[in-house]
Amino acid sequence: MVEQVRADSGATSTVEAAAPWGARRRAGRWAPGEDARGRSTWRRGRVLAALAVLTAGLLAFHRAVPNSVGRLGSLLEAFLPWLGLVVVVLLGVALLRRSATALVALLLPVAVWVYLFGGLFLSGAEPGAHDLVVVQHNVSDENTDPAGTARALADAEPDLIALEELVPPALLVYEKTLASDYPYHAVRGTVGLWSKHPLTDARLLDMKPPGIAEAWSRGLRTVVHTPHGEIAAYVAHLPSVRIRASGLASSWRDESAGLLGKAIAAEKLKAVILLGDLNSTVDDRGLAPLTSRMNVAERGFAFSFPAARPLARIDQVMARSATVDHIRALPATGSDHLPVAARITLG
């Protein structure tokens, strides 16, 4: 709104009176920091701020998400680290909108994510005298190059190599290729352990869910006689899970994890190492019978599946009365999983 005002000198000056917001918007003029609707940097972006708080809540209280419907809690926990990407997207939109409210709110999910996963980026402790290096790999029953896979695993120079989905005649190839460097091995069903140290008392581990009727042998327990003492080594391959329209189908895996957890709880040897394809991440409550009893990797993400574009680490190394210092993914083999290597400190 413009008024013509005549000054005492007779000159005419132009004064812009306070115009309503609608007039300023039509004229394309608003105060610095305001958007096209006249909102300041603190008034806009409230929806983004709410989404940031929701993301922080899911990260911090993921156990509160119920599993009763479609096992949504386990599904969220299987991909929990990827909520960090949601934070990145919200940050980009907040910067684009120049929303101070959203930027402040985003500090909350950033802090929670760093608390949960930031330590995994740190380097592990220096190798010590009581360390073991172990490799875990689901070699795939469709692997067309078992000899190349065996050589690739041996190149990491581990003390122990745990394999799943061992099928004839590929098993014979693994035995022959690894024999020179790993003179001790034990195989039960479709899982096996190769070792530089003597193995004794190898036996089949029964962890088959009651609902599986066909033959199913995916568990092994043996004793490894290391220079630092005896270790009970468990190799396991838990049932697969499926993502369906109804949610996550994981009941067999959860039942098998419970049976495996009971076996480890009853183990008389103090030091225990578990290696296997557990078909879930350590954040998933479905593995609580194991993660509540054993230490998991303190450093490293080591996403292992699928090999082409790894989204999660479902190949695990856990320990009791020992520390899994660092875990890393190894280069791809002929499997749909990546191998993982971990360093374990005994005691």
Protein backbone atom coordinates (compact mmCIF):
# COMPACT_ATOMS: atom_id res chain seq x y z
CA MET A 1 0.00 0.00 0.00
CA VAL A 2 1.53 3.28 -1.12
CA GLU A 3 0.50 6.74 0.13
CA GLN A 4 1.53 10.07 -1.33
CA VAL A 5 2.66 12.38 1.50
CA ARG A 6 3.36 16.09 0.95
CA ALA A 7 6.24 17.38 3.02
CA ASP A 8 6.54 20.90 4.48
CA SER A 9 8.93 21.84 1.71
CA GLY A 10 6.25 20.96 -0.83
CA ALA A 11 8.14 17.90 -2.10
CA THR A 12 6.31 14.62 -2.45
CA SER A 13 7.81 11.46 -0.89
CA THR A 14 6.74 7.86 -1.23
CA VAL A 15 6.21 5.89 2.01
CA GLU A 16 5.42 2.18 2.02
CA ALA A 17 2.96 1.48 4.76
CA ALA A 18 2.75 -1.85 6.51
CA ALA A 19 1.03 -4.15 4.08
CA PRO A 20 -0.80 -7.31 5.02
CA TRP A 21 0.97 -10.66 4.37
CA GLY A 22 -1.19 -11.46 1.34
CA ALA A 23 -0.27 -8.20 -0.36
CA ARG A 24 3.44 -8.72 0.32
CA ARG A 25 3.24 -12.27 -1.08
CA ARG A 26 1.50 -11.03 -4.25
CA ALA A 27 4.15 -8.38 -4.59
CA GLY A 28 6.90 -10.96 -4.04
CA ARG A 29 8.20 -9.21 -0.93
CA TRP A 30 8.57 -10.61 2.62
CA ALA A 31 10.90 -10.11 5.55
CA PRO A 32 14.37 -11.71 5.56
CA GLY A 33 14.23 -15.34 6.70
CA GLU A 34 10.55 -15.73 5.91
CA ASP A 35 9.25 -18.16 3.30
CA ALA A 36 6.51 -17.53 0.74
CA ARG A 37 3.90 -18.04 3.46
CA GLY A 38 5.51 -15.59 5.82
CA ARG A 39 6.89 -18.19 8.25
CA SER A 40 10.25 -17.65 9.94
CA THR A 41 13.03 -20.25 10.09
CA TRP A 42 11.73 -21.29 13.53
CA ARG A 43 8.09 -21.58 12.49
CA ARG A 44 8.57 -23.73 9.40
CA GLY A 45 9.75 -27.34 9.24
CA ARG A 46 7.64 -28.59 12.12
CA VAL A 47 6.69 -31.75 10.24
CA LEU A 48 10.39 -32.43 9.58
CA ALA A 49 11.10 -31.90 13.27
CA ALA A 50 8.38 -34.38 14.19
CA LEU A 51 9.83 -36.94 11.78
CA ALA A 52 13.27 -36.41 13.32
CA VAL A 53 11.90 -37.07 16.81
CA LEU A 54 10.06 -40.16 15.53
CA THR A 55 13.28 -41.49 13.97
CA ALA A 56 15.13 -40.93 17.23
CA GLY A 57 12.38 -42.77 19.06
CA LEU A 58 12.58 -45.77 16.73
CA LEU A 59 16.35 -45.91 17.18
CA ALA A 60 16.32 -45.55 20.95
CA PHE A 61 13.21 -47.61 21.71
CA HIS A 62 13.16 -50.17 18.91
CA ARG A 63 12.42 -52.88 21.49
CA ALA A 64 9.08 -51.17 22.11
CA VAL A 65 7.94 -51.85 18.54
CA PRO A 66 5.71 -54.93 18.92
CA ASN A 67 6.46 -58.25 17.27
CA SER A 68 2.90 -59.50 17.62
CA VAL A 69 1.88 -58.26 14.17
CA GLY A 70 4.09 -59.40 11.32
CA ARG A 71 7.15 -59.33 13.59
CA LEU A 72 7.55 -55.65 12.76
CA GLY A 73 10.01 -55.20 15.63
CA SER A 74 12.43 -57.78 14.24
CA LEU A 75 12.01 -56.37 10.75
CA LEU A 76 12.95 -52.90 11.97
CA GLU A 77 15.90 -54.21 13.97
CA ALA A 78 17.27 -56.18 11.02
CA PHE A 79 17.88 -52.89 9.21
CA LEU A 80 18.25 -50.57 12.20
CA PRO A 81 21.55 -48.90 11.14
CA TRP A 82 19.91 -47.81 7.89
CA LEU A 83 17.71 -45.38 9.80
CA GLY A 84 20.79 -43.20 9.54
CA LEU A 85 19.86 -42.65 5.88
CA VAL A 86 16.49 -41.28 7.00
CA VAL A 87 18.38 -38.75 9.10
CA VAL A 88 20.50 -37.76 6.09
CA VAL A 89 17.41 -37.25 3.93
CA LEU A 90 15.72 -35.18 6.63
CA LEU A 91 18.87 -33.10 6.99
CA GLY A 92 18.93 -32.36 3.27
CA VAL A 93 15.28 -31.28 3.28
CA ALA A 94 15.80 -29.18 6.42
CA LEU A 95 18.69 -27.34 4.79
CA LEU A 96 16.65 -26.83 1.64
CA ARG A 97 13.77 -25.43 3.69
CA ARG A 98 16.17 -23.43 5.88
CA SER A 99 14.31 -24.70 8.93
CA ALA A 100 16.11 -24.01 12.19
CA THR A 101 13.50 -26.02 14.10
CA ALA A 102 14.12 -29.15 12.02
CA LEU A 103 17.90 -28.76 12.22
CA VAL A 104 17.81 -28.58 16.01
CA ALA A 105 15.43 -31.55 16.21
CA LEU A 106 17.77 -33.60 13.99
CA LEU A 107 20.46 -33.42 16.68
CA LEU A 108 18.42 -35.99 18.61
CA PRO A 109 18.46 -38.89 16.08
CA VAL A 110 22.08 -38.09 15.20
CA ALA A 111 23.09 -38.41 18.85
CA VAL A 112 21.19 -41.70 19.27
CA TRP A 113 22.61 -43.19 16.05
CA VAL A 114 26.16 -42.27 17.03
CA TYR A 115 25.62 -43.77 20.47
CA LEU A 116 24.36 -47.05 18.99
CA PHE A 117 26.65 -47.46 16.00
CA GLY A 118 29.40 -44.86 16.09
CA GLY A 119 31.79 -47.15 17.93
CA LEU A 120 31.69 -49.65 15.09
CA PHE A 121 33.70 -47.19 12.97
CA LEU A 122 36.60 -47.14 15.42
CA SER A 123 39.64 -49.30 14.89
CA GLY A 124 40.01 -52.32 17.12
CA ALA A 125 42.67 -52.92 19.72
CA GLU A 126 46.14 -53.92 18.64
CA PRO A 127 46.55 -57.68 18.10
CA GLY A 128 47.63 -59.43 21.29
CA ALA A 129 49.28 -62.67 22.30
CA HIS A 130 45.98 -64.36 23.11
CA ASP A 131 44.18 -63.57 19.89
CA LEU A 132 42.52 -65.95 17.49
CA VAL A 133 41.51 -65.02 13.96
CA VAL A 134 38.37 -66.76 12.73
CA VAL A 135 36.51 -66.76 9.42
CA GLN A 136 32.81 -67.45 9.00
CA HIS A 137 31.28 -68.14 5.57
CA ASN A 138 28.08 -69.53 4.12
CA VAL A 139 29.69 -70.94 0.98
CA SER A 140 26.31 -71.57 -0.78
CA ASP A 141 25.20 -74.94 -2.05
CA GLU A 142 25.22 -73.42 -5.56
CA ASN A 143 28.85 -72.27 -5.43
CA THR A 144 30.55 -73.26 -8.69
CA ASP A 145 34.09 -72.58 -7.46
CA PRO A 146 34.60 -74.29 -4.08
CA ALA A 147 38.36 -74.58 -4.60
CA GLY A 148 38.70 -70.84 -5.25
CA THR A 149 36.49 -70.09 -2.27
CA ALA A 150 38.62 -72.29 0.00
CA ARG A 151 41.83 -70.60 -1.15
CA ALA A 152 40.36 -67.14 -0.63
CA LEU A 153 39.39 -68.00 2.95
CA ALA A 154 42.80 -69.51 3.71
CA ASP A 155 44.48 -66.33 2.40
CA ALA A 156 43.12 -64.50 5.46
CA GLU A 157 45.29 -66.85 7.56
CA PRO A 158 42.68 -67.56 10.24
CA ASP A 159 43.03 -70.10 13.01
CA LEU A 160 39.49 -71.37 12.43
CA ILE A 161 37.25 -71.49 9.34
CA ALA A 162 33.54 -72.21 9.78
CA LEU A 163 31.50 -73.14 6.70
CA GLU A 164 27.80 -73.68 6.05
CA GLU A 165 25.84 -75.19 3.15
CA LEU A 166 28.43 -77.90 2.60
CA VAL A 167 27.13 -80.38 0.06
CA PRO A 168 28.78 -83.22 -1.83
CA PRO A 169 30.84 -83.20 -3.99
CA ALA A 170 31.90 -79.64 -2.98
CA LEU A 171 32.71 -80.91 0.53
CA LEU A 172 35.46 -83.13 -0.90
CA VAL A 173 36.95 -80.08 -2.64
CA TYR A 174 37.01 -78.05 0.58
CA GLU A 175 38.61 -80.93 2.47
CA LYS A 176 41.31 -81.37 -0.16
CA THR A 177 42.06 -77.66 -0.66
CA LEU A 178 42.25 -76.81 3.05
CA ALA A 179 44.05 -79.96 4.20
CA SER A 180 47.61 -78.62 4.07
CA ASP A 181 47.00 -75.52 6.19
CA TYR A 182 44.14 -76.88 8.30
CA PRO A 183 44.90 -80.48 9.22
CA TYR A 184 41.99 -80.74 11.67
CA HIS A 185 38.37 -80.52 10.67
CA ALA A 186 34.94 -81.72 11.73
CA VAL A 187 31.76 -81.83 9.63
CA ARG A 188 28.24 -82.63 10.76
CA GLY A 189 25.41 -82.38 8.30
CA THR A 190 25.91 -79.27 6.17
CA VAL A 191 28.21 -77.35 8.55
CA GLY A 192 31.89 -77.78 9.31
CA LEU A 193 34.90 -76.33 11.09
CA TRP A 194 38.53 -76.34 9.87
CA SER A 195 41.27 -75.64 12.39
CA LYS A 196 45.01 -75.20 12.75
CA HIS A 197 44.63 -76.61 16.27
CA PRO A 198 43.47 -80.10 17.27
CA LEU A 199 39.74 -80.78 17.53
CA THR A 200 38.04 -83.32 19.80
CA ASP A 201 34.56 -84.30 20.93
CA ALA A 202 32.83 -83.22 17.73
CA ARG A 203 29.10 -83.92 17.75
CA LEU A 204 25.92 -82.98 15.99
CA LEU A 205 24.01 -80.15 17.63
CA ASP A 206 20.25 -80.66 17.57
CA MET A 207 18.58 -77.30 17.06
CA LYS A 208 15.91 -78.26 14.52
CA PRO A 209 12.56 -76.52 15.11
CA PRO A 210 9.67 -78.94 15.76
CA GLY A 211 7.85 -77.71 12.67
CA ILE A 212 10.55 -78.97 10.27
CA ALA A 213 9.78 -82.59 9.39
CA GLU A 214 12.52 -83.38 6.86
CA ALA A 215 16.14 -84.27 7.64
CA TRP A 216 17.91 -81.17 8.92
CA SER A 217 21.45 -81.08 10.35
CA ARG A 218 22.83 -77.58 10.68
CA GLY A 219 24.63 -77.52 14.01
CA LEU A 220 28.07 -78.64 15.20
CA ARG A 221 29.82 -78.50 18.56
CA THR A 222 33.48 -79.37 19.02
CA VAL A 223 36.41 -78.54 21.30
CA VAL A 224 39.39 -76.58 19.95
CA HIS A 225 42.68 -77.17 21.79
CA THR A 226 44.45 -73.82 21.38
CA PRO A 227 47.80 -72.85 22.91
CA HIS A 228 45.79 -70.73 25.36
CA GLY A 229 43.39 -73.43 26.50
CA GLU A 230 40.31 -75.33 25.40
CA ILE A 231 37.48 -73.54 23.60
CA ALA A 232 34.04 -74.91 22.81
CA ALA A 233 33.35 -74.00 19.18
CA TYR A 234 29.80 -73.97 17.82
CA VAL A 235 28.99 -73.73 14.12
CA ALA A 236 25.34 -73.07 13.26
CA HIS A 237 23.10 -72.28 10.35
CA LEU A 238 19.71 -71.04 11.53
CA PRO A 239 16.58 -71.32 9.34
CA SER A 240 16.02 -68.67 6.71
CA VAL A 241 13.52 -65.84 7.08
CA ARG A 242 11.20 -64.40 4.46
CA ILE A 243 9.72 -60.92 4.05
CA ARG A 244 6.10 -61.26 2.99
CA ALA A 245 3.09 -59.00 2.68
CA SER A 246 2.07 -60.11 6.17
CA GLY A 247 5.46 -59.15 7.60
CA LEU A 248 8.59 -61.06 8.59
CA ALA A 249 8.31 -64.87 8.65
CA SER A 250 10.93 -65.83 11.23
CA SER A 251 9.28 -68.24 13.68
CA TRP A 252 11.51 -71.22 12.77
CA ARG A 253 14.65 -69.10 13.04
CA ASP A 254 13.56 -67.80 16.43
CA GLU A 255 12.83 -71.31 17.69
CA SER A 256 16.18 -72.59 16.46
CA ALA A 257 17.97 -69.64 18.10
CA GLY A 258 16.27 -70.55 21.37
CA LEU A 259 17.48 -74.17 21.16
CA LEU A 260 21.01 -73.02 20.31
CA GLY A 261 20.95 -70.58 23.21
CA LYS A 262 19.99 -73.35 25.64
CA ALA A 263 22.84 -75.54 24.37
CA ILE A 264 25.37 -72.75 24.88
CA ALA A 265 23.98 -71.99 28.33
CA ALA A 266 24.55 -75.66 29.27
CA GLU A 267 28.12 -75.67 27.88
CA LYS A 268 30.57 -76.65 30.64
CA LEU A 269 33.66 -75.13 29.07
CA LYS A 270 34.08 -71.50 30.06
CA ALA A 271 35.29 -70.12 26.71
CA VAL A 272 32.83 -70.47 23.82
CA ILE A 273 32.94 -69.23 20.23
CA LEU A 274 29.88 -69.25 18.00
CA LEU A 275 30.29 -68.91 14.25
CA GLY A 276 27.45 -69.17 11.80
CA ASP A 277 24.88 -67.88 9.38
CA LEU A 278 22.25 -66.82 11.90
CA ASN A 279 19.98 -65.20 9.33
CA SER A 280 19.67 -62.01 11.33
CA THR A 281 21.58 -59.09 12.78
CA VAL A 282 22.71 -58.78 16.38
CA ASP A 283 20.10 -56.03 16.94
CA ASP A 284 17.24 -58.39 16.12
CA ARG A 285 15.42 -59.56 19.26
CA GLY A 286 15.01 -62.94 17.55
CA LEU A 287 18.64 -63.62 18.44
CA ALA A 288 18.21 -62.54 22.07
CA PRO A 289 18.76 -66.13 23.33
CA LEU A 290 22.29 -65.77 21.92
CA THR A 291 23.13 -62.08 22.28
CA SER A 292 22.01 -62.12 25.91
CA ARG A 293 24.60 -64.80 26.67
CA MET A 294 27.48 -63.87 24.38
CA ASN A 295 29.62 -60.92 23.36
CA VAL A 296 29.24 -59.54 19.84
CA ALA A 297 31.68 -57.57 17.69
CA GLU A 298 32.70 -54.24 19.22
CA ARG A 299 34.16 -52.81 16.01
CA GLY A 300 33.19 -53.10 12.35
CA PHE A 301 29.94 -53.35 10.38
CA ALA A 302 30.94 -56.19 8.02
CA PHE A 303 27.67 -56.33 6.08
CA SER A 304 27.66 -59.80 4.50
CA PHE A 305 24.37 -60.31 2.64
CA PRO A 306 23.55 -60.19 -0.19
CA ALA A 307 27.06 -60.36 -1.60
CA ALA A 308 26.27 -58.11 -4.59
CA ARG A 309 24.92 -55.26 -2.42
CA PRO A 310 25.36 -56.09 1.26
CA LEU A 311 22.59 -54.64 3.42
CA ALA A 312 23.08 -56.48 6.70
CA ARG A 313 25.46 -58.74 8.58
CA ILE A 314 23.66 -62.01 9.09
CA ASP A 315 26.92 -64.00 9.33
CA GLN A 316 27.98 -63.70 12.95
CA VAL A 317 30.88 -64.33 15.30
CA MET A 318 30.04 -64.30 19.02
CA ALA A 319 32.00 -65.32 22.09
CA ARG A 320 31.61 -66.10 25.78
CA SER A 321 34.48 -65.39 28.19
CA ALA A 322 36.21 -63.76 25.23
CA THR A 323 35.95 -60.52 23.25
CA VAL A 324 35.21 -60.15 19.54
CA ASP A 325 37.46 -57.15 18.96
CA HIS A 326 36.88 -56.46 15.30
CA ILE A 327 34.95 -57.96 12.41
CA ARG A 328 35.31 -57.22 8.71
CA ALA A 329 33.94 -58.48 5.42
CA LEU A 330 36.28 -60.30 3.04
CA PRO A 331 36.16 -60.11 -0.78
CA ALA A 332 33.36 -61.92 -2.57
CA THR A 333 33.62 -65.59 -3.45
CA GLY A 334 31.28 -67.76 -5.47
CA SER A 335 28.64 -67.47 -2.74
CA ASP A 336 25.69 -65.14 -2.29
CA HIS A 337 27.20 -64.27 1.12
CA LEU A 338 30.42 -62.42 1.84
CA PRO A 339 32.84 -64.12 4.23
CA VAL A 340 33.55 -62.31 7.48
CA ALA A 341 36.77 -62.41 9.51
CA ALA A 342 37.00 -61.56 13.18
CA ARG A 343 39.70 -61.25 15.79
CA ILE A 344 38.94 -62.73 19.20
CA THR A 345 40.77 -61.96 22.41
CA LEU A 346 40.57 -64.79 24.92
CA GLY A 347 40.13 -64.20 28.60
